[in-house]
Amino acid sequence: MHYEAGSSTIGRALAEIRPLLAERGFAVPDRPGVRLRTLADVSPMPKPRT
């Protein structure tokens, strides 16, 4: 899927999400005990089936 977002928009979103991940992490639904805290943690996650 392509949303035609500009690089400054993406950069701003990354700058906002990094501190939130570091502070609180993200609990993965249906995966007890898995908590993502960095963008590197998010990358290797398997993609959902469609």
C-alpha atoms as a PDB file:
ATOM      1  CA  MET A   1       0.000   0.000   0.000  1.00  0.00           C
ATOM      2  CA  HIS A   2       1.362   3.409  -0.903  1.00  0.00           C
ATOM      3  CA  TYR A   3       0.184   6.616   0.752  1.00  0.00           C
ATOM      4  CA  GLU A   4       2.394   9.211  -0.964  1.00  0.00           C
ATOM      5  CA  ALA A   5       3.690  10.615   2.322  1.00  0.00           C
ATOM      6  CA  GLY A   6       6.616  13.018   2.080  1.00  0.00           C
ATOM      7  CA  SER A   7       9.953  12.248   3.670  1.00  0.00           C
ATOM      8  CA  SER A   8       9.552  15.108   6.163  1.00  0.00           C
ATOM      9  CA  THR A   9       6.212  13.651   7.303  1.00  0.00           C
ATOM     10  CA  ILE A  10       7.780  10.222   7.778  1.00  0.00           C
ATOM     11  CA  GLY A  11      10.785  11.723   9.568  1.00  0.00           C
ATOM     12  CA  ARG A  12       8.526  13.658  11.931  1.00  0.00           C
ATOM     13  CA  ALA A  13       6.469  10.526  12.670  1.00  0.00           C
ATOM     14  CA  LEU A  14       9.635   8.542  13.434  1.00  0.00           C
ATOM     15  CA  ALA A  15      10.889  11.305  15.713  1.00  0.00           C
ATOM     16  CA  GLU A  16       7.591  11.170  17.615  1.00  0.00           C
ATOM     17  CA  ILE A  17       7.324   7.373  17.854  1.00  0.00           C
ATOM     18  CA  ARG A  18      10.892   6.603  18.992  1.00  0.00           C
ATOM     19  CA  PRO A  19      10.559   8.215  22.449  1.00  0.00           C
ATOM     20  CA  LEU A  20       7.124   6.640  22.934  1.00  0.00           C
ATOM     21  CA  LEU A  21       8.474   3.174  22.146  1.00  0.00           C
ATOM     22  CA  ALA A  22      11.453   3.708  24.441  1.00  0.00           C
ATOM     23  CA  GLU A  23       9.266   4.921  27.305  1.00  0.00           C
ATOM     24  CA  ARG A  24       6.300   2.575  27.108  1.00  0.00           C
ATOM     25  CA  GLY A  25       6.934  -0.037  24.455  1.00  0.00           C
ATOM     26  CA  PHE A  26       4.155  -1.679  22.515  1.00  0.00           C
ATOM     27  CA  ALA A  27       2.449  -4.847  23.692  1.00  0.00           C
ATOM     28  CA  VAL A  28       1.828  -7.105  20.705  1.00  0.00           C
ATOM     29  CA  PRO A  29      -1.756  -8.387  20.575  1.00  0.00           C
ATOM     30  CA  ASP A  30      -2.004 -12.184  20.857  1.00  0.00           C
ATOM     31  CA  ARG A  31       1.688 -12.440  21.848  1.00  0.00           C
ATOM     32  CA  PRO A  32       1.894 -12.374  25.664  1.00  0.00           C
ATOM     33  CA  GLY A  33       5.254 -11.233  26.950  1.00  0.00           C
ATOM     34  CA  VAL A  34       6.314  -9.590  23.671  1.00  0.00           C
ATOM     35  CA  ARG A  35       6.927  -5.867  24.072  1.00  0.00           C
ATOM     36  CA  LEU A  36       8.498  -3.805  21.283  1.00  0.00           C
ATOM     37  CA  ARG A  37      10.716  -0.941  22.460  1.00  0.00           C
ATOM     38  CA  THR A  38      12.668   0.133  19.350  1.00  0.00           C
ATOM     39  CA  LEU A  39      12.019   0.391  15.620  1.00  0.00           C
ATOM     40  CA  ALA A  40      14.507  -2.463  15.197  1.00  0.00           C
ATOM     41  CA  ASP A  41      12.215  -4.627  17.347  1.00  0.00           C
ATOM     42  CA  VAL A  42       9.321  -3.842  15.002  1.00  0.00           C
ATOM     43  CA  SER A  43      11.109  -4.710  11.742  1.00  0.00           C
ATOM     44  CA  PRO A  44      11.570  -8.464  12.260  1.00  0.00           C
ATOM     45  CA  MET A  45       7.954  -8.985  13.304  1.00  0.00           C
ATOM     46  CA  PRO A  46       6.082 -11.217  10.835  1.00  0.00           C
ATOM     47  CA  LYS A  47       3.595  -9.437   8.623  1.00  0.00           C
ATOM     48  CA  PRO A  48      -0.087 -10.244   9.235  1.00  0.00           C
ATOM     49  CA  ARG A  49      -1.758 -12.580   6.792  1.00  0.00           C
ATOM     50  CA  THR A  50      -4.249 -10.967   4.450  1.00  0.00           C
END
